[in-house]
């Protein structure tokens, strides 16, 4: 596990793809928390959610960084480096 994220160059200003988890909204699923892909804007659900769409999006696209889309939270997670961080 890395101490720092080595994928900062993939972070972009993005527009969320949906008001909730894009995939859960399509299938009628439910989510616990939301994660925003900082490469393309895909809004997915966290790993505490039944379908884990944010992680599935990473595996399908290799987009490495998601940001918490929860109010009051500003942390990001890098899947390949397995590290949480905040932009300073």
PDB file of N, CA and C in Angstrom:
ATOM      1  N   UNK A   1       0.845  -1.172   0.000  1.00  0.00           N
ATOM      2  CA  UNK A   1       0.000   0.000   0.000  1.00  0.00           C
ATOM      3  C   UNK A   1       0.899   1.247   0.000  1.00  0.00           C
ATOM      4  N   UNK A   2       0.543   2.194  -0.835  1.00  0.00           N
ATOM      5  CA  UNK A   2       1.318   3.431  -0.946  1.00  0.00           C
ATOM      6  C   UNK A   2       0.935   4.401   0.172  1.00  0.00           C
ATOM      7  N   UNK A   3       1.859   5.307   0.484  1.00  0.00           N
ATOM      8  CA  UNK A   3       1.578   6.345   1.475  1.00  0.00           C
ATOM      9  C   UNK A   3       0.905   7.556   0.840  1.00  0.00           C
ATOM     10  N   UNK A   4       1.078   7.697  -0.461  1.00  0.00           N
ATOM     11  CA  UNK A   4       0.506   8.828  -1.195  1.00  0.00           C
ATOM     12  C   UNK A   4      -0.127   8.329  -2.481  1.00  0.00           C
ATOM     13  N   UNK A   5      -1.044   9.111  -3.005  1.00  0.00           N
ATOM     14  CA  UNK A   5      -1.677   8.798  -4.283  1.00  0.00           C
ATOM     15  C   UNK A   5      -0.730   9.201  -5.409  1.00  0.00           C
ATOM     16  N   UNK A   6      -0.517   8.297  -6.335  1.00  0.00           N
ATOM     17  CA  UNK A   6       0.346   8.564  -7.477  1.00  0.00           C
ATOM     18  C   UNK A   6      -0.459   8.814  -8.754  1.00  0.00           C
ATOM     19  N   UNK A   7      -1.756   9.096  -8.594  1.00  0.00           N
ATOM     20  CA  UNK A   7      -2.640   9.275  -9.741  1.00  0.00           C
ATOM     21  C   UNK A   7      -3.309  10.650  -9.759  1.00  0.00           C
ATOM     22  N   UNK A   8      -2.689  11.630  -9.126  1.00  0.00           N
ATOM     23  CA  UNK A   8      -3.290  12.964  -9.025  1.00  0.00           C
ATOM     24  C   UNK A   8      -3.545  13.589 -10.393  1.00  0.00           C
ATOM     25  N   UNK A   9      -2.794  13.178 -11.402  1.00  0.00           N
ATOM     26  CA  UNK A   9      -2.969  13.739 -12.742  1.00  0.00           C
ATOM     27  C   UNK A   9      -4.278  13.312 -13.404  1.00  0.00           C
ATOM     28  N   UNK A  10      -5.001  12.365 -12.799  1.00  0.00           N
ATOM     29  CA  UNK A  10      -6.280  11.930 -13.366  1.00  0.00           C
ATOM     30  C   UNK A  10      -7.465  12.696 -12.790  1.00  0.00           C
ATOM     31  N   UNK A  11      -7.213  13.583 -11.842  1.00  0.00           N
ATOM     32  CA  UNK A  11      -8.295  14.352 -11.216  1.00  0.00           C
ATOM     33  C   UNK A  11      -8.700  15.496 -12.138  1.00  0.00           C
ATOM     34  N   UNK A  12      -9.996  15.548 -12.446  1.00  0.00           N
ATOM     35  CA  UNK A  12     -10.549  16.598 -13.301  1.00  0.00           C
ATOM     36  C   UNK A  12     -11.753  17.230 -12.613  1.00  0.00           C
ATOM     37  N   UNK A  13     -12.080  18.454 -13.021  1.00  0.00           N
ATOM     38  CA  UNK A  13     -13.353  19.038 -12.619  1.00  0.00           C
ATOM     39  C   UNK A  13     -14.419  18.314 -13.417  1.00  0.00           C
ATOM     40  N   UNK A  14     -15.350  17.694 -12.725  1.00  0.00           N
ATOM     41  CA  UNK A  14     -16.357  16.873 -13.396  1.00  0.00           C
ATOM     42  C   UNK A  14     -17.755  17.273 -12.936  1.00  0.00           C
ATOM     43  N   UNK A  15     -18.730  16.932 -13.748  1.00  0.00           N
ATOM     44  CA  UNK A  15     -20.133  17.102 -13.407  1.00  0.00           C
ATOM     45  C   UNK A  15     -20.690  15.733 -13.042  1.00  0.00           C
ATOM     46  N   UNK A  16     -21.323  15.589 -11.871  1.00  0.00           N
ATOM     47  CA  UNK A  16     -21.887  14.288 -11.492  1.00  0.00           C
ATOM     48  C   UNK A  16     -22.873  13.777 -12.537  1.00  0.00           C
ATOM     49  N   UNK A  17     -22.810  12.492 -12.816  1.00  0.00           N
ATOM     50  CA  UNK A  17     -23.648  11.871 -13.839  1.00  0.00           C
ATOM     51  C   UNK A  17     -25.109  11.713 -13.398  1.00  0.00           C
ATOM     52  N   UNK A  18     -25.372  11.815 -12.107  1.00  0.00           N
ATOM     53  CA  UNK A  18     -26.728  11.626 -11.589  1.00  0.00           C
ATOM     54  C   UNK A  18     -26.838  12.263 -10.209  1.00  0.00           C
ATOM     55  N   UNK A  19     -28.067  12.404  -9.731  1.00  0.00           N
ATOM     56  CA  UNK A  19     -28.324  12.945  -8.391  1.00  0.00           C
ATOM     57  C   UNK A  19     -28.087  11.901  -7.305  1.00  0.00           C
ATOM     58  N   UNK A  20     -28.015  10.648  -7.689  1.00  0.00           N
ATOM     59  CA  UNK A  20     -27.745   9.540  -6.781  1.00  0.00           C
ATOM     60  C   UNK A  20     -26.831   8.574  -7.501  1.00  0.00           C
ATOM     61  N   UNK A  21     -26.787   7.336  -7.041  1.00  0.00           N
ATOM     62  CA  UNK A  21     -25.974   6.340  -7.737  1.00  0.00           C
ATOM     63  C   UNK A  21     -26.590   6.084  -9.107  1.00  0.00           C
ATOM     64  N   UNK A  22     -25.827   6.394 -10.147  1.00  0.00           N
ATOM     65  CA  UNK A  22     -26.325   6.262 -11.520  1.00  0.00           C
ATOM     66  C   UNK A  22     -26.842   4.853 -11.808  1.00  0.00           C
ATOM     67  N   UNK A  23     -26.102   3.849 -11.387  1.00  0.00           N
ATOM     68  CA  UNK A  23     -26.469   2.464 -11.682  1.00  0.00           C
ATOM     69  C   UNK A  23     -27.641   1.991 -10.836  1.00  0.00           C
ATOM     70  N   UNK A  24     -27.689   2.357  -9.559  1.00  0.00           N
ATOM     71  CA  UNK A  24     -28.822   1.990  -8.705  1.00  0.00           C
ATOM     72  C   UNK A  24     -30.113   2.641  -9.211  1.00  0.00           C
ATOM     73  N   UNK A  25     -30.015   3.871  -9.669  1.00  0.00           N
ATOM     74  CA  UNK A  25     -31.199   4.542 -10.197  1.00  0.00           C
ATOM     75  C   UNK A  25     -31.743   3.812 -11.424  1.00  0.00           C
ATOM     76  N   UNK A  26     -30.858   3.257 -12.239  1.00  0.00           N
ATOM     77  CA  UNK A  26     -31.284   2.511 -13.436  1.00  0.00           C
ATOM     78  C   UNK A  26     -31.924   1.177 -13.085  1.00  0.00           C
ATOM     79  N   UNK A  27     -31.453   0.541 -12.001  1.00  0.00           N
ATOM     80  CA  UNK A  27     -31.915  -0.810 -11.674  1.00  0.00           C
ATOM     81  C   UNK A  27     -32.913  -0.861 -10.524  1.00  0.00           C
ATOM     82  N   UNK A  28     -33.159   0.280  -9.889  1.00  0.00           N
ATOM     83  CA  UNK A  28     -34.063   0.297  -8.746  1.00  0.00           C
ATOM     84  C   UNK A  28     -33.377  -0.108  -7.454  1.00  0.00           C
ATOM     85  N   UNK A  29     -32.051  -0.082  -7.446  1.00  0.00           N
ATOM     86  CA  UNK A  29     -31.292  -0.456  -6.254  1.00  0.00           C
ATOM     87  C   UNK A  29     -31.236   0.669  -5.233  1.00  0.00           C
ATOM     88  N   UNK A  30     -30.603   0.379  -4.126  1.00  0.00           N
ATOM     89  CA  UNK A  30     -30.440   1.373  -3.058  1.00  0.00           C
ATOM     90  C   UNK A  30     -28.960   1.529  -2.738  1.00  0.00           C
ATOM     91  N   UNK A  31     -28.624   2.639  -2.128  1.00  0.00           N
ATOM     92  CA  UNK A  31     -27.236   2.899  -1.760  1.00  0.00           C
ATOM     93  C   UNK A  31     -27.159   3.475  -0.364  1.00  0.00           C
ATOM     94  N   UNK A  32     -25.951   3.424   0.206  1.00  0.00           N
ATOM     95  CA  UNK A  32     -25.686   3.970   1.535  1.00  0.00           C
ATOM     96  C   UNK A  32     -25.028   5.343   1.401  1.00  0.00           C
ATOM     97  N   UNK A  33     -23.896   5.399   0.693  1.00  0.00           N
ATOM     98  CA  UNK A  33     -23.169   6.650   0.471  1.00  0.00           C
ATOM     99  C   UNK A  33     -22.766   6.735  -0.995  1.00  0.00           C
ATOM    100  N   UNK A  34     -22.480   7.944  -1.444  1.00  0.00           N
ATOM    101  CA  UNK A  34     -22.152   8.165  -2.856  1.00  0.00           C
ATOM    102  C   UNK A  34     -20.693   8.544  -3.035  1.00  0.00           C
ATOM    103  N   UNK A  35     -20.132   8.110  -4.164  1.00  0.00           N
ATOM    104  CA  UNK A  35     -18.749   8.397  -4.537  1.00  0.00           C
ATOM    105  C   UNK A  35     -18.720   8.914  -5.973  1.00  0.00           C
ATOM    106  N   UNK A  36     -17.986   9.996  -6.189  1.00  0.00           N
ATOM    107  CA  UNK A  36     -17.898  10.645  -7.494  1.00  0.00           C
ATOM    108  C   UNK A  36     -16.555  10.318  -8.144  1.00  0.00           C
ATOM    109  N   UNK A  37     -16.582   9.748  -9.329  1.00  0.00           N
ATOM    110  CA  UNK A  37     -15.351   9.495 -10.074  1.00  0.00           C
ATOM    111  C   UNK A  37     -14.794  10.834 -10.534  1.00  0.00           C
ATOM    112  N   UNK A  38     -13.558  11.109 -10.156  1.00  0.00           N
ATOM    113  CA  UNK A  38     -12.952  12.400 -10.489  1.00  0.00           C
ATOM    114  C   UNK A  38     -12.306  12.420 -11.872  1.00  0.00           C
ATOM    115  N   UNK A  39     -12.458  11.334 -12.612  1.00  0.00           N
ATOM    116  CA  UNK A  39     -11.978  11.336 -13.991  1.00  0.00           C
ATOM    117  C   UNK A  39     -13.118  11.593 -14.978  1.00  0.00           C
ATOM    118  N   UNK A  40     -14.312  11.025 -14.714  1.00  0.00           N
ATOM    119  CA  UNK A  40     -15.399  11.147 -15.690  1.00  0.00           C
ATOM    120  C   UNK A  40     -16.717  11.657 -15.123  1.00  0.00           C
ATOM    121  N   UNK A  41     -16.864  11.697 -13.791  1.00  0.00           N
ATOM    122  CA  UNK A  41     -18.103  12.184 -13.191  1.00  0.00           C
ATOM    123  C   UNK A  41     -19.122  11.115 -12.854  1.00  0.00           C
ATOM    124  N   UNK A  42     -18.797   9.844 -13.071  1.00  0.00           N
ATOM    125  CA  UNK A  42     -19.734   8.769 -12.719  1.00  0.00           C
ATOM    126  C   UNK A  42     -20.030   8.825 -11.228  1.00  0.00           C
ATOM    127  N   UNK A  43     -21.312   8.832 -10.887  1.00  0.00           N
ATOM    128  CA  UNK A  43     -21.728   8.801  -9.489  1.00  0.00           C
ATOM    129  C   UNK A  43     -22.097   7.369  -9.147  1.00  0.00           C
ATOM    130  N   UNK A  44     -21.344   6.779  -8.215  1.00  0.00           N
ATOM    131  CA  UNK A  44     -21.575   5.395  -7.821  1.00  0.00           C
ATOM    132  C   UNK A  44     -21.752   5.278  -6.325  1.00  0.00           C
ATOM    133  N   UNK A  45     -22.190   4.102  -5.908  1.00  0.00           N
ATOM    134  CA  UNK A  45     -22.402   3.861  -4.477  1.00  0.00           C
ATOM    135  C   UNK A  45     -21.173   3.218  -3.851  1.00  0.00           C
ATOM    136  N   UNK A  46     -21.038   3.413  -2.545  1.00  0.00           N
ATOM    137  CA  UNK A  46     -19.862   2.965  -1.786  1.00  0.00           C
ATOM    138  C   UNK A  46     -19.882   1.458  -1.553  1.00  0.00           C
ATOM    139  N   UNK A  47     -18.810   0.964  -0.973  1.00  0.00           N
ATOM    140  CA  UNK A  47     -18.697  -0.468  -0.704  1.00  0.00           C
ATOM    141  C   UNK A  47     -19.582  -0.945   0.447  1.00  0.00           C
ATOM    142  N   UNK A  48     -20.193  -0.043   1.194  1.00  0.00           N
ATOM    143  CA  UNK A  48     -21.179  -0.438   2.200  1.00  0.00           C
ATOM    144  C   UNK A  48     -22.557  -0.633   1.566  1.00  0.00           C
ATOM    145  N   UNK A  49     -22.704  -0.230   0.327  1.00  0.00           N
ATOM    146  CA  UNK A  49     -23.952  -0.398  -0.420  1.00  0.00           C
ATOM    147  C   UNK A  49     -23.987  -1.792  -1.031  1.00  0.00           C
ATOM    148  N   UNK A  50     -25.187  -2.336  -1.253  1.00  0.00           N
ATOM    149  CA  UNK A  50     -25.290  -3.708  -1.766  1.00  0.00           C
ATOM    150  C   UNK A  50     -24.546  -3.951  -3.085  1.00  0.00           C
ATOM    151  N   UNK A  51     -24.564  -2.989  -4.004  1.00  0.00           N
ATOM    152  CA  UNK A  51     -24.003  -3.239  -5.334  1.00  0.00           C
ATOM    153  C   UNK A  51     -22.591  -2.700  -5.553  1.00  0.00           C
ATOM    154  N   UNK A  52     -22.101  -1.867  -4.672  1.00  0.00           N
ATOM    155  CA  UNK A  52     -20.717  -1.369  -4.740  1.00  0.00           C
ATOM    156  C   UNK A  52     -20.365  -0.833  -6.124  1.00  0.00           C
ATOM    157  N   UNK A  53     -21.219   0.046  -6.657  1.00  0.00           N
ATOM    158  CA  UNK A  53     -21.031   0.511  -8.030  1.00  0.00           C
ATOM    159  C   UNK A  53     -19.799   1.386  -8.241  1.00  0.00           C
ATOM    160  N   UNK A  54     -19.339   2.114  -7.235  1.00  0.00           N
ATOM    161  CA  UNK A  54     -18.135   2.930  -7.417  1.00  0.00           C
ATOM    162  C   UNK A  54     -16.920   2.033  -7.658  1.00  0.00           C
ATOM    163  N   UNK A  55     -16.799   0.967  -6.890  1.00  0.00           N
ATOM    164  CA  UNK A  55     -15.702   0.025  -7.086  1.00  0.00           C
ATOM    165  C   UNK A  55     -15.851  -0.712  -8.414  1.00  0.00           C
ATOM    166  N   UNK A  56     -17.072  -1.084  -8.766  1.00  0.00           N
ATOM    167  CA  UNK A  56     -17.304  -1.742 -10.056  1.00  0.00           C
ATOM    168  C   UNK A  56     -16.897  -0.822 -11.207  1.00  0.00           C
ATOM    169  N   UNK A  57     -17.183   0.472 -11.068  1.00  0.00           N
ATOM    170  CA  UNK A  57     -16.786   1.443 -12.097  1.00  0.00           C
ATOM    171  C   UNK A  57     -15.266   1.485 -12.219  1.00  0.00           C
ATOM    172  N   UNK A  58     -14.560   1.479 -11.108  1.00  0.00           N
ATOM    173  CA  UNK A  58     -13.096   1.453 -11.148  1.00  0.00           C
ATOM    174  C   UNK A  58     -12.606   0.216 -11.902  1.00  0.00           C
ATOM    175  N   UNK A  59     -13.147  -0.952 -11.586  1.00  0.00           N
ATOM    176  CA  UNK A  59     -12.695  -2.180 -12.234  1.00  0.00           C
ATOM    177  C   UNK A  59     -13.015  -2.183 -13.731  1.00  0.00           C
ATOM    178  N   UNK A  60     -14.126  -1.571 -14.121  1.00  0.00           N
ATOM    179  CA  UNK A  60     -14.516  -1.535 -15.538  1.00  0.00           C
ATOM    180  C   UNK A  60     -13.721  -0.512 -16.344  1.00  0.00           C
ATOM    181  N   UNK A  61     -13.329   0.601 -15.706  1.00  0.00           N
ATOM    182  CA  UNK A  61     -12.725   1.716 -16.446  1.00  0.00           C
ATOM    183  C   UNK A  61     -11.272   1.997 -16.090  1.00  0.00           C
ATOM    184  N   UNK A  62     -10.844   1.517 -14.920  1.00  0.00           N
ATOM    185  CA  UNK A  62      -9.534   1.833 -14.349  1.00  0.00           C
ATOM    186  C   UNK A  62      -9.387   3.319 -14.005  1.00  0.00           C
ATOM    187  N   UNK A  63     -10.514   4.044 -13.830  1.00  0.00           N
ATOM    188  CA  UNK A  63     -10.458   5.420 -13.330  1.00  0.00           C
ATOM    189  C   UNK A  63     -10.124   5.315 -11.846  1.00  0.00           C
ATOM    190  N   UNK A  64      -8.971   5.838 -11.416  1.00  0.00           N
ATOM    191  CA  UNK A  64      -8.439   5.484 -10.100  1.00  0.00           C
ATOM    192  C   UNK A  64      -9.010   6.207  -8.887  1.00  0.00           C
ATOM    193  N   UNK A  65      -9.576   7.410  -9.052  1.00  0.00           N
ATOM    194  CA  UNK A  65      -9.895   8.225  -7.872  1.00  0.00           C
ATOM    195  C   UNK A  65     -11.377   8.555  -7.790  1.00  0.00           C
ATOM    196  N   UNK A  66     -11.940   8.323  -6.608  1.00  0.00           N
ATOM    197  CA  UNK A  66     -13.302   8.766  -6.313  1.00  0.00           C
ATOM    198  C   UNK A  66     -13.238   9.748  -5.153  1.00  0.00           C
ATOM    199  N   UNK A  67     -14.236  10.603  -5.095  1.00  0.00           N
ATOM    200  CA  UNK A  67     -14.362  11.554  -3.997  1.00  0.00           C
ATOM    201  C   UNK A  67     -15.686  11.310  -3.305  1.00  0.00           C
ATOM    202  N   UNK A  68     -15.689  11.405  -2.002  1.00  0.00           N
ATOM    203  CA  UNK A  68     -16.951  11.287  -1.278  1.00  0.00           C
ATOM    204  C   UNK A  68     -17.895  12.385  -1.748  1.00  0.00           C
ATOM    205  N   UNK A  69     -19.126  12.003  -2.019  1.00  0.00           N
ATOM    206  CA  UNK A  69     -20.139  12.972  -2.427  1.00  0.00           C
ATOM    207  C   UNK A  69     -21.103  13.251  -1.280  1.00  0.00           C
ATOM    208  N   UNK A  70     -20.689  12.890  -0.080  1.00  0.00           N
ATOM    209  CA  UNK A  70     -21.516  13.113   1.099  1.00  0.00           C
ATOM    210  C   UNK A  70     -21.318  14.534   1.622  1.00  0.00           C
ATOM    211  N   UNK A  71     -22.406  15.196   2.020  1.00  0.00           N
ATOM    212  CA  UNK A  71     -22.284  16.559   2.555  1.00  0.00           C
ATOM    213  C   UNK A  71     -21.311  16.615   3.729  1.00  0.00           C
ATOM    214  N   UNK A  72     -20.439  17.609   3.699  1.00  0.00           N
ATOM    215  CA  UNK A  72     -19.481  17.807   4.779  1.00  0.00           C
ATOM    216  C   UNK A  72     -18.218  16.963   4.679  1.00  0.00           C
ATOM    217  N   UNK A  73     -18.135  16.085   3.681  1.00  0.00           N
ATOM    218  CA  UNK A  73     -16.945  15.258   3.497  1.00  0.00           C
ATOM    219  C   UNK A  73     -16.197  15.728   2.256  1.00  0.00           C
ATOM    220  N   UNK A  74     -14.865  15.832   2.355  1.00  0.00           N
ATOM    221  CA  UNK A  74     -14.093  16.273   1.193  1.00  0.00           C
ATOM    222  C   UNK A  74     -12.888  15.381   0.920  1.00  0.00           C
ATOM    223  N   UNK A  75     -12.934  14.130   1.349  1.00  0.00           N
ATOM    224  CA  UNK A  75     -11.832  13.203   1.129  1.00  0.00           C
ATOM    225  C   UNK A  75     -11.984  12.481  -0.200  1.00  0.00           C
ATOM    226  N   UNK A  76     -10.865  12.001  -0.693  1.00  0.00           N
ATOM    227  CA  UNK A  76     -10.806  11.227  -1.923  1.00  0.00           C
ATOM    228  C   UNK A  76     -10.172   9.875  -1.619  1.00  0.00           C
ATOM    229  N   UNK A  77     -10.415   8.901  -2.491  1.00  0.00           N
ATOM    230  CA  UNK A  77      -9.839   7.570  -2.342  1.00  0.00           C
ATOM    231  C   UNK A  77      -9.205   7.165  -3.665  1.00  0.00           C
ATOM    232  N   UNK A  78      -7.969   6.698  -3.594  1.00  0.00           N
ATOM    233  CA  UNK A  78      -7.261   6.182  -4.763  1.00  0.00           C
ATOM    234  C   UNK A  78      -7.304   4.661  -4.684  1.00  0.00           C
ATOM    235  N   UNK A  79      -8.020   4.031  -5.621  1.00  0.00           N
ATOM    236  CA  UNK A  79      -8.134   2.570  -5.614  1.00  0.00           C
ATOM    237  C   UNK A  79      -6.791   1.867  -5.805  1.00  0.00           C
ATOM    238  N   UNK A  80      -5.977   2.211  -6.819  1.00  0.00           N
ATOM    239  CA  UNK A  80      -4.724   1.466  -7.015  1.00  0.00           C
ATOM    240  C   UNK A  80      -3.747   1.601  -5.849  1.00  0.00           C
ATOM    241  N   UNK A  81      -3.660   2.801  -5.282  1.00  0.00           N
ATOM    242  CA  UNK A  81      -2.714   3.032  -4.187  1.00  0.00           C
ATOM    243  C   UNK A  81      -3.297   2.712  -2.822  1.00  0.00           C
ATOM    244  N   UNK A  82      -4.618   2.468  -2.757  1.00  0.00           N
ATOM    245  CA  UNK A  82      -5.293   2.141  -1.506  1.00  0.00           C
ATOM    246  C   UNK A  82      -5.019   3.175  -0.432  1.00  0.00           C
ATOM    247  N   UNK A  83      -5.249   4.461  -0.785  1.00  0.00           N
ATOM    248  CA  UNK A  83      -4.978   5.553   0.153  1.00  0.00           C
ATOM    249  C   UNK A  83      -6.074   6.604   0.070  1.00  0.00           C
ATOM    250  N   UNK A  84      -6.486   7.096   1.235  1.00  0.00           N
ATOM    251  CA  UNK A  84      -7.427   8.210   1.324  1.00  0.00           C
ATOM    252  C   UNK A  84      -6.632   9.480   1.519  1.00  0.00           C
ATOM    253  N   UNK A  85      -7.131  10.584   0.955  1.00  0.00           N
ATOM    254  CA  UNK A  85      -6.418  11.843   1.083  1.00  0.00           C
ATOM    255  C   UNK A  85      -7.380  13.010   0.833  1.00  0.00           C
ATOM    256  N   UNK A  86      -6.935  14.198   1.163  1.00  0.00           N
ATOM    257  CA  UNK A  86      -7.677  15.427   0.873  1.00  0.00           C
ATOM    258  C   UNK A  86      -6.807  16.293  -0.010  1.00  0.00           C
ATOM    259  N   UNK A  87      -7.443  17.040  -0.891  1.00  0.00           N
ATOM    260  CA  UNK A  87      -6.693  17.989  -1.707  1.00  0.00           C
ATOM    261  C   UNK A  87      -6.428  19.236  -0.886  1.00  0.00           C
ATOM    262  N   UNK A  88      -5.219  19.707  -0.900  1.00  0.00           N
ATOM    263  CA  UNK A  88      -4.858  20.831  -0.059  1.00  0.00           C
ATOM    264  C   UNK A  88      -4.837  22.061  -0.812  1.00  0.00           C
TER     265      UNK A  88
END
